[in-house]
Amino acid sequence: MTKEEASLKKKTNLEITIDALREVEQLKNTPNKKSYSSFAELLKDIEDEDIYEELERSEEDIAAGRTISGNEALKELREKYGL
């Protein structure tokens, strides 16, 4: 297991979502970013199977009740970042 994989396993779903939102902001400001015309095109381009592991982990979290409502998640984000 790489350091990055170990780090991800320790993060909560909220922390992973926050990281993803930060990455989206960075990508929006990247001049030569790759873009896709459809979600299907993006999926074809994904070669890394880690996404499937993350989806499986998310399903396990949902089944085990390790979730919060979207409103609660947004409230936590607003409080954390002063929004």
PDB file of N, CA and C in Angstrom:
ATOM      1  N   MET A   1       0.852  -1.175   0.000  1.00  0.00           N
ATOM      2  CA  MET A   1       0.000   0.000   0.000  1.00  0.00           C
ATOM      3  C   MET A   1       0.900   1.242   0.000  1.00  0.00           C
ATOM      4  N   THR A   2       0.607   2.175  -0.901  1.00  0.00           N
ATOM      5  CA  THR A   2       1.396   3.402  -0.972  1.00  0.00           C
ATOM      6  C   THR A   2       1.003   4.341   0.151  1.00  0.00           C
ATOM      7  N   LYS A   3       1.828   5.361   0.375  1.00  0.00           N
ATOM      8  CA  LYS A   3       1.513   6.357   1.406  1.00  0.00           C
ATOM      9  C   LYS A   3       0.202   7.056   1.088  1.00  0.00           C
ATOM     10  N   GLU A   4      -0.005   7.336  -0.210  1.00  0.00           N
ATOM     11  CA  GLU A   4      -1.240   8.015  -0.619  1.00  0.00           C
ATOM     12  C   GLU A   4      -2.461   7.153  -0.312  1.00  0.00           C
ATOM     13  N   GLU A   5      -2.370   5.855  -0.581  1.00  0.00           N
ATOM     14  CA  GLU A   5      -3.479   4.948  -0.299  1.00  0.00           C
ATOM     15  C   GLU A   5      -3.756   4.881   1.201  1.00  0.00           C
ATOM     16  N   ALA A   6      -2.704   4.815   1.995  1.00  0.00           N
ATOM     17  CA  ALA A   6      -2.870   4.775   3.444  1.00  0.00           C
ATOM     18  C   ALA A   6      -3.515   6.055   3.949  1.00  0.00           C
ATOM     19  N   SER A   7      -3.102   7.179   3.375  1.00  0.00           N
ATOM     20  CA  SER A   7      -3.661   8.463   3.765  1.00  0.00           C
ATOM     21  C   SER A   7      -5.144   8.536   3.431  1.00  0.00           C
ATOM     22  N   LEU A   8      -5.526   8.057   2.251  1.00  0.00           N
ATOM     23  CA  LEU A   8      -6.930   8.084   1.858  1.00  0.00           C
ATOM     24  C   LEU A   8      -7.785   7.226   2.773  1.00  0.00           C
ATOM     25  N   LYS A   9      -7.275   6.098   3.193  1.00  0.00           N
ATOM     26  CA  LYS A   9      -8.050   5.216   4.048  1.00  0.00           C
ATOM     27  C   LYS A   9      -8.341   5.855   5.403  1.00  0.00           C
ATOM     28  N   LYS A  10      -7.498   6.783   5.838  1.00  0.00           N
ATOM     29  CA  LYS A  10      -7.684   7.450   7.126  1.00  0.00           C
ATOM     30  C   LYS A  10      -8.650   8.623   7.020  1.00  0.00           C
ATOM     31  N   LYS A  11      -8.891   9.116   5.807  1.00  0.00           N
ATOM     32  CA  LYS A  11      -9.749  10.286   5.637  1.00  0.00           C
ATOM     33  C   LYS A  11     -11.221   9.907   5.712  1.00  0.00           C
ATOM     34  N   THR A  12     -12.012  10.837   6.201  1.00  0.00           N
ATOM     35  CA  THR A  12     -13.454  10.639   6.212  1.00  0.00           C
ATOM     36  C   THR A  12     -13.998  10.965   4.830  1.00  0.00           C
ATOM     37  N   ASN A  13     -15.234  10.559   4.584  1.00  0.00           N
ATOM     38  CA  ASN A  13     -15.852  10.890   3.301  1.00  0.00           C
ATOM     39  C   ASN A  13     -15.947  12.392   3.113  1.00  0.00           C
ATOM     40  N   LEU A  14     -16.203  13.144   4.173  1.00  0.00           N
ATOM     41  CA  LEU A  14     -16.286  14.592   4.074  1.00  0.00           C
ATOM     42  C   LEU A  14     -14.938  15.170   3.667  1.00  0.00           C
ATOM     43  N   GLU A  15     -13.862  14.679   4.252  1.00  0.00           N
ATOM     44  CA  GLU A  15     -12.524  15.164   3.893  1.00  0.00           C
ATOM     45  C   GLU A  15     -12.195  14.836   2.439  1.00  0.00           C
ATOM     46  N   ILE A  16     -12.588  13.657   1.986  1.00  0.00           N
ATOM     47  CA  ILE A  16     -12.355  13.280   0.592  1.00  0.00           C
ATOM     48  C   ILE A  16     -13.145  14.197  -0.338  1.00  0.00           C
ATOM     49  N   THR A  17     -14.383  14.527   0.045  1.00  0.00           N
ATOM     50  CA  THR A  17     -15.203  15.424  -0.757  1.00  0.00           C
ATOM     51  C   THR A  17     -14.583  16.813  -0.819  1.00  0.00           C
ATOM     52  N   ILE A  18     -14.087  17.304   0.296  1.00  0.00           N
ATOM     53  CA  ILE A  18     -13.442  18.611   0.329  1.00  0.00           C
ATOM     54  C   ILE A  18     -12.213  18.614  -0.576  1.00  0.00           C
ATOM     55  N   ASP A  19     -11.411  17.560  -0.503  1.00  0.00           N
ATOM     56  CA  ASP A  19     -10.238  17.454  -1.382  1.00  0.00           C
ATOM     57  C   ASP A  19     -10.653  17.458  -2.845  1.00  0.00           C
ATOM     58  N   ALA A  20     -11.734  16.752  -3.153  1.00  0.00           N
ATOM     59  CA  ALA A  20     -12.216  16.696  -4.533  1.00  0.00           C
ATOM     60  C   ALA A  20     -12.677  18.068  -5.003  1.00  0.00           C
ATOM     61  N   LEU A  21     -13.360  18.802  -4.130  1.00  0.00           N
ATOM     62  CA  LEU A  21     -13.803  20.152  -4.491  1.00  0.00           C
ATOM     63  C   LEU A  21     -12.609  21.076  -4.741  1.00  0.00           C
ATOM     64  N   ARG A  22     -11.577  20.941  -3.921  1.00  0.00           N
ATOM     65  CA  ARG A  22     -10.363  21.738  -4.136  1.00  0.00           C
ATOM     66  C   ARG A  22      -9.728  21.394  -5.480  1.00  0.00           C
ATOM     67  N   GLU A  23      -9.697  20.111  -5.795  1.00  0.00           N
ATOM     68  CA  GLU A  23      -9.113  19.680  -7.070  1.00  0.00           C
ATOM     69  C   GLU A  23      -9.914  20.235  -8.252  1.00  0.00           C
ATOM     70  N   VAL A  24     -11.231  20.254  -8.129  1.00  0.00           N
ATOM     71  CA  VAL A  24     -12.075  20.818  -9.187  1.00  0.00           C
ATOM     72  C   VAL A  24     -11.734  22.291  -9.386  1.00  0.00           C
ATOM     73  N   GLU A  25     -11.577  23.022  -8.294  1.00  0.00           N
ATOM     74  CA  GLU A  25     -11.216  24.442  -8.401  1.00  0.00           C
ATOM     75  C   GLU A  25      -9.874  24.609  -9.107  1.00  0.00           C
ATOM     76  N   GLN A  26      -8.903  23.770  -8.761  1.00  0.00           N
ATOM     77  CA  GLN A  26      -7.596  23.835  -9.416  1.00  0.00           C
ATOM     78  C   GLN A  26      -7.719  23.521 -10.898  1.00  0.00           C
ATOM     79  N   LEU A  27      -8.497  22.504 -11.223  1.00  0.00           N
ATOM     80  CA  LEU A  27      -8.662  22.125 -12.626  1.00  0.00           C
ATOM     81  C   LEU A  27      -9.344  23.226 -13.437  1.00  0.00           C
ATOM     82  N   LYS A  28     -10.302  23.910 -12.817  1.00  0.00           N
ATOM     83  CA  LYS A  28     -10.984  24.993 -13.519  1.00  0.00           C
ATOM     84  C   LYS A  28     -10.008  26.096 -13.909  1.00  0.00           C
ATOM     85  N   ASN A  29      -8.942  26.244 -13.153  1.00  0.00           N
ATOM     86  CA  ASN A  29      -7.960  27.296 -13.410  1.00  0.00           C
ATOM     87  C   ASN A  29      -6.746  26.799 -14.182  1.00  0.00           C
ATOM     88  N   THR A  30      -6.788  25.566 -14.697  1.00  0.00           N
ATOM     89  CA  THR A  30      -5.677  25.004 -15.459  1.00  0.00           C
ATOM     90  C   THR A  30      -5.947  25.229 -16.938  1.00  0.00           C
ATOM     91  N   PRO A  31      -5.065  25.982 -17.619  1.00  0.00           N
ATOM     92  CA  PRO A  31      -5.341  26.349 -19.015  1.00  0.00           C
ATOM     93  C   PRO A  31      -5.381  25.177 -20.000  1.00  0.00           C
ATOM     94  N   ASN A  32      -4.543  24.181 -19.848  1.00  0.00           N
ATOM     95  CA  ASN A  32      -4.473  23.089 -20.827  1.00  0.00           C
ATOM     96  C   ASN A  32      -5.093  21.799 -20.314  1.00  0.00           C
ATOM     97  N   LYS A  33      -6.156  21.932 -19.537  1.00  0.00           N
ATOM     98  CA  LYS A  33      -6.789  20.746 -18.954  1.00  0.00           C
ATOM     99  C   LYS A  33      -7.497  19.928 -20.027  1.00  0.00           C
ATOM    100  N   LYS A  34      -7.595  18.644 -19.778  1.00  0.00           N
ATOM    101  CA  LYS A  34      -8.328  17.761 -20.673  1.00  0.00           C
ATOM    102  C   LYS A  34      -9.802  17.883 -20.334  1.00  0.00           C
ATOM    103  N   SER A  35     -10.632  17.911 -21.346  1.00  0.00           N
ATOM    104  CA  SER A  35     -12.069  17.976 -21.107  1.00  0.00           C
ATOM    105  C   SER A  35     -12.755  16.820 -21.831  1.00  0.00           C
ATOM    106  N   TYR A  36     -13.965  16.546 -21.400  1.00  0.00           N
ATOM    107  CA  TYR A  36     -14.730  15.430 -21.949  1.00  0.00           C
ATOM    108  C   TYR A  36     -16.080  15.946 -22.424  1.00  0.00           C
ATOM    109  N   SER A  37     -16.569  15.333 -23.479  1.00  0.00           N
ATOM    110  CA  SER A  37     -17.878  15.741 -23.989  1.00  0.00           C
ATOM    111  C   SER A  37     -19.011  14.973 -23.327  1.00  0.00           C
ATOM    112  N   SER A  38     -18.663  13.888 -22.617  1.00  0.00           N
ATOM    113  CA  SER A  38     -19.698  13.125 -21.920  1.00  0.00           C
ATOM    114  C   SER A  38     -19.069  12.373 -20.751  1.00  0.00           C
ATOM    115  N   PHE A  39     -19.926  11.973 -19.823  1.00  0.00           N
ATOM    116  CA  PHE A  39     -19.462  11.201 -18.679  1.00  0.00           C
ATOM    117  C   PHE A  39     -18.946   9.842 -19.146  1.00  0.00           C
ATOM    118  N   ALA A  40     -19.592   9.272 -20.158  1.00  0.00           N
ATOM    119  CA  ALA A  40     -19.160   7.975 -20.696  1.00  0.00           C
ATOM    120  C   ALA A  40     -17.737   8.074 -21.242  1.00  0.00           C
ATOM    121  N   GLU A  41     -17.426   9.181 -21.901  1.00  0.00           N
ATOM    122  CA  GLU A  41     -16.073   9.383 -22.430  1.00  0.00           C
ATOM    123  C   GLU A  41     -15.056   9.434 -21.298  1.00  0.00           C
ATOM    124  N   LEU A  42     -15.410  10.103 -20.209  1.00  0.00           N
ATOM    125  CA  LEU A  42     -14.532  10.175 -19.053  1.00  0.00           C
ATOM    126  C   LEU A  42     -14.294   8.777 -18.474  1.00  0.00           C
ATOM    127  N   LEU A  43     -15.364   7.993 -18.333  1.00  0.00           N
ATOM    128  CA  LEU A  43     -15.227   6.648 -17.763  1.00  0.00           C
ATOM    129  C   LEU A  43     -14.324   5.771 -18.622  1.00  0.00           C
ATOM    130  N   LYS A  44     -14.412   5.911 -19.929  1.00  0.00           N
ATOM    131  CA  LYS A  44     -13.550   5.135 -20.822  1.00  0.00           C
ATOM    132  C   LYS A  44     -12.090   5.492 -20.611  1.00  0.00           C
ATOM    133  N   ASP A  45     -11.843   6.708 -20.204  1.00  0.00           N
ATOM    134  CA  ASP A  45     -10.477   7.194 -20.046  1.00  0.00           C
ATOM    135  C   ASP A  45      -9.860   6.790 -18.705  1.00  0.00           C
ATOM    136  N   ILE A  46     -10.697   6.344 -17.785  1.00  0.00           N
ATOM    137  CA  ILE A  46     -10.193   5.970 -16.466  1.00  0.00           C
ATOM    138  C   ILE A  46      -9.551   4.594 -16.547  1.00  0.00           C
ATOM    139  N   GLU A  47      -8.272   4.552 -16.291  1.00  0.00           N
ATOM    140  CA  GLU A  47      -7.562   3.285 -16.314  1.00  0.00           C
ATOM    141  C   GLU A  47      -7.272   2.791 -14.906  1.00  0.00           C
ATOM    142  N   ASP A  48      -7.343   3.680 -13.958  1.00  0.00           N
ATOM    143  CA  ASP A  48      -6.996   3.371 -12.581  1.00  0.00           C
ATOM    144  C   ASP A  48      -8.179   2.721 -11.882  1.00  0.00           C
ATOM    145  N   GLU A  49      -8.004   1.517 -11.375  1.00  0.00           N
ATOM    146  CA  GLU A  49      -9.104   0.812 -10.732  1.00  0.00           C
ATOM    147  C   GLU A  49      -9.365   1.295  -9.311  1.00  0.00           C
ATOM    148  N   ASP A  50      -8.558   2.232  -8.811  1.00  0.00           N
ATOM    149  CA  ASP A  50      -8.790   2.760  -7.464  1.00  0.00           C
ATOM    150  C   ASP A  50     -10.179   3.361  -7.329  1.00  0.00           C
ATOM    151  N   ILE A  51     -10.711   3.917  -8.409  1.00  0.00           N
ATOM    152  CA  ILE A  51     -12.036   4.527  -8.329  1.00  0.00           C
ATOM    153  C   ILE A  51     -13.079   3.477  -7.944  1.00  0.00           C
ATOM    154  N   TYR A  52     -12.895   2.254  -8.448  1.00  0.00           N
ATOM    155  CA  TYR A  52     -13.842   1.196  -8.116  1.00  0.00           C
ATOM    156  C   TYR A  52     -13.719   0.788  -6.653  1.00  0.00           C
ATOM    157  N   GLU A  53     -12.506   0.829  -6.120  1.00  0.00           N
ATOM    158  CA  GLU A  53     -12.305   0.546  -4.704  1.00  0.00           C
ATOM    159  C   GLU A  53     -12.976   1.619  -3.856  1.00  0.00           C
ATOM    160  N   GLU A  54     -12.849   2.867  -4.275  1.00  0.00           N
ATOM    161  CA  GLU A  54     -13.476   3.962  -3.529  1.00  0.00           C
ATOM    162  C   GLU A  54     -14.996   3.854  -3.591  1.00  0.00           C
ATOM    163  N   LEU A  55     -15.531   3.502  -4.752  1.00  0.00           N
ATOM    164  CA  LEU A  55     -16.979   3.328  -4.871  1.00  0.00           C
ATOM    165  C   LEU A  55     -17.463   2.184  -3.984  1.00  0.00           C
ATOM    166  N   GLU A  56     -16.707   1.106  -3.945  1.00  0.00           N
ATOM    167  CA  GLU A  56     -17.066  -0.022  -3.093  1.00  0.00           C
ATOM    168  C   GLU A  56     -17.040   0.390  -1.620  1.00  0.00           C
ATOM    169  N   ARG A  57     -16.014   1.148  -1.234  1.00  0.00           N
ATOM    170  CA  ARG A  57     -15.924   1.616   0.150  1.00  0.00           C
ATOM    171  C   ARG A  57     -17.100   2.536   0.486  1.00  0.00           C
ATOM    172  N   SER A  58     -17.472   3.378  -0.465  1.00  0.00           N
ATOM    173  CA  SER A  58     -18.615   4.266  -0.247  1.00  0.00           C
ATOM    174  C   SER A  58     -19.898   3.470  -0.045  1.00  0.00           C
ATOM    175  N   GLU A  59     -20.079   2.430  -0.854  1.00  0.00           N
ATOM    176  CA  GLU A  59     -21.256   1.577  -0.704  1.00  0.00           C
ATOM    177  C   GLU A  59     -21.268   0.913   0.673  1.00  0.00           C
ATOM    178  N   GLU A  60     -20.090   0.485   1.132  1.00  0.00           N
ATOM    179  CA  GLU A  60     -19.995  -0.129   2.458  1.00  0.00           C
ATOM    180  C   GLU A  60     -20.349   0.890   3.541  1.00  0.00           C
ATOM    181  N   ASP A  61     -19.872   2.132   3.388  1.00  0.00           N
ATOM    182  CA  ASP A  61     -20.198   3.187   4.351  1.00  0.00           C
ATOM    183  C   ASP A  61     -21.700   3.421   4.407  1.00  0.00           C
ATOM    184  N   ILE A  62     -22.328   3.457   3.237  1.00  0.00           N
ATOM    185  CA  ILE A  62     -23.779   3.678   3.185  1.00  0.00           C
ATOM    186  C   ILE A  62     -24.508   2.529   3.867  1.00  0.00           C
ATOM    187  N   ALA A  63     -24.122   1.302   3.541  1.00  0.00           N
ATOM    188  CA  ALA A  63     -24.772   0.126   4.131  1.00  0.00           C
ATOM    189  C   ALA A  63     -24.603   0.083   5.643  1.00  0.00           C
ATOM    190  N   ALA A  64     -23.466   0.571   6.145  1.00  0.00           N
ATOM    191  CA  ALA A  64     -23.194   0.552   7.581  1.00  0.00           C
ATOM    192  C   ALA A  64     -23.748   1.784   8.295  1.00  0.00           C
ATOM    193  N   GLY A  65     -24.367   2.679   7.535  1.00  0.00           N
ATOM    194  CA  GLY A  65     -24.951   3.872   8.146  1.00  0.00           C
ATOM    195  C   GLY A  65     -23.948   4.957   8.478  1.00  0.00           C
ATOM    196  N   ARG A  66     -22.755   4.894   7.892  1.00  0.00           N
ATOM    197  CA  ARG A  66     -21.733   5.917   8.136  1.00  0.00           C
ATOM    198  C   ARG A  66     -21.921   7.069   7.146  1.00  0.00           C
ATOM    199  N   THR A  67     -23.053   7.735   7.285  1.00  0.00           N
ATOM    200  CA  THR A  67     -23.378   8.842   6.392  1.00  0.00           C
ATOM    201  C   THR A  67     -23.985   9.986   7.196  1.00  0.00           C
ATOM    202  N   ILE A  68     -23.988  11.153   6.564  1.00  0.00           N
ATOM    203  CA  ILE A  68     -24.724  12.291   7.105  1.00  0.00           C
ATOM    204  C   ILE A  68     -25.508  12.885   5.943  1.00  0.00           C
ATOM    205  N   SER A  69     -26.495  13.681   6.254  1.00  0.00           N
ATOM    206  CA  SER A  69     -27.306  14.278   5.190  1.00  0.00           C
ATOM    207  C   SER A  69     -26.482  15.300   4.418  1.00  0.00           C
ATOM    208  N   GLY A  70     -26.896  15.548   3.202  1.00  0.00           N
ATOM    209  CA  GLY A  70     -26.230  16.566   2.386  1.00  0.00           C
ATOM    210  C   GLY A  70     -26.269  17.923   3.060  1.00  0.00           C
ATOM    211  N   ASN A  71     -27.396  18.246   3.689  1.00  0.00           N
ATOM    212  CA  ASN A  71     -27.510  19.532   4.381  1.00  0.00           C
ATOM    213  C   ASN A  71     -26.503  19.637   5.515  1.00  0.00           C
ATOM    214  N   GLU A  72     -26.321  18.546   6.264  1.00  0.00           N
ATOM    215  CA  GLU A  72     -25.354  18.545   7.365  1.00  0.00           C
ATOM    216  C   GLU A  72     -23.932  18.680   6.828  1.00  0.00           C
ATOM    217  N   ALA A  73     -23.636  17.979   5.726  1.00  0.00           N
ATOM    218  CA  ALA A  73     -22.298  18.068   5.128  1.00  0.00           C
ATOM    219  C   ALA A  73     -22.015  19.496   4.674  1.00  0.00           C
ATOM    220  N   LEU A  74     -22.991  20.130   4.039  1.00  0.00           N
ATOM    221  CA  LEU A  74     -22.811  21.515   3.592  1.00  0.00           C
ATOM    222  C   LEU A  74     -22.662  22.463   4.782  1.00  0.00           C
ATOM    223  N   LYS A  75     -23.420  22.213   5.843  1.00  0.00           N
ATOM    224  CA  LYS A  75     -23.308  23.032   7.054  1.00  0.00           C
ATOM    225  C   LYS A  75     -21.885  22.937   7.613  1.00  0.00           C
ATOM    226  N   GLU A  76     -21.348  21.704   7.681  1.00  0.00           N
ATOM    227  CA  GLU A  76     -19.982  21.516   8.181  1.00  0.00           C
ATOM    228  C   GLU A  76     -18.962  22.227   7.298  1.00  0.00           C
ATOM    229  N   LEU A  77     -19.155  22.164   5.987  1.00  0.00           N
ATOM    230  CA  LEU A  77     -18.243  22.851   5.067  1.00  0.00           C
ATOM    231  C   LEU A  77     -18.298  24.357   5.271  1.00  0.00           C
ATOM    232  N   ARG A  78     -19.526  24.888   5.414  1.00  0.00           N
ATOM    233  CA  ARG A  78     -19.676  26.334   5.615  1.00  0.00           C
ATOM    234  C   ARG A  78     -19.006  26.770   6.917  1.00  0.00           C
ATOM    235  N   GLU A  79     -19.197  25.994   7.973  1.00  0.00           N
ATOM    236  CA  GLU A  79     -18.591  26.334   9.257  1.00  0.00           C
ATOM    237  C   GLU A  79     -17.063  26.243   9.198  1.00  0.00           C
ATOM    238  N   LYS A  80     -16.581  25.174   8.587  1.00  0.00           N
ATOM    239  CA  LYS A  80     -15.127  24.966   8.516  1.00  0.00           C
ATOM    240  C   LYS A  80     -14.441  26.056   7.710  1.00  0.00           C
ATOM    241  N   TYR A  81     -15.068  26.478   6.606  1.00  0.00           N
ATOM    242  CA  TYR A  81     -14.420  27.434   5.713  1.00  0.00           C
ATOM    243  C   TYR A  81     -15.002  28.835   5.795  1.00  0.00           C
ATOM    244  N   GLY A  82     -15.863  29.061   6.793  1.00  0.00           N
ATOM    245  CA  GLY A  82     -16.397  30.408   7.004  1.00  0.00           C
ATOM    246  C   GLY A  82     -17.225  30.910   5.834  1.00  0.00           C
ATOM    247  N   LEU A  83     -17.992  30.041   5.247  1.00  0.00           N
ATOM    248  CA  LEU A  83     -18.820  30.429   4.075  1.00  0.00           C
ATOM    249  C   LEU A  83     -20.208  30.835   4.493  1.00  0.00           C
TER     250      LEU A  83
END
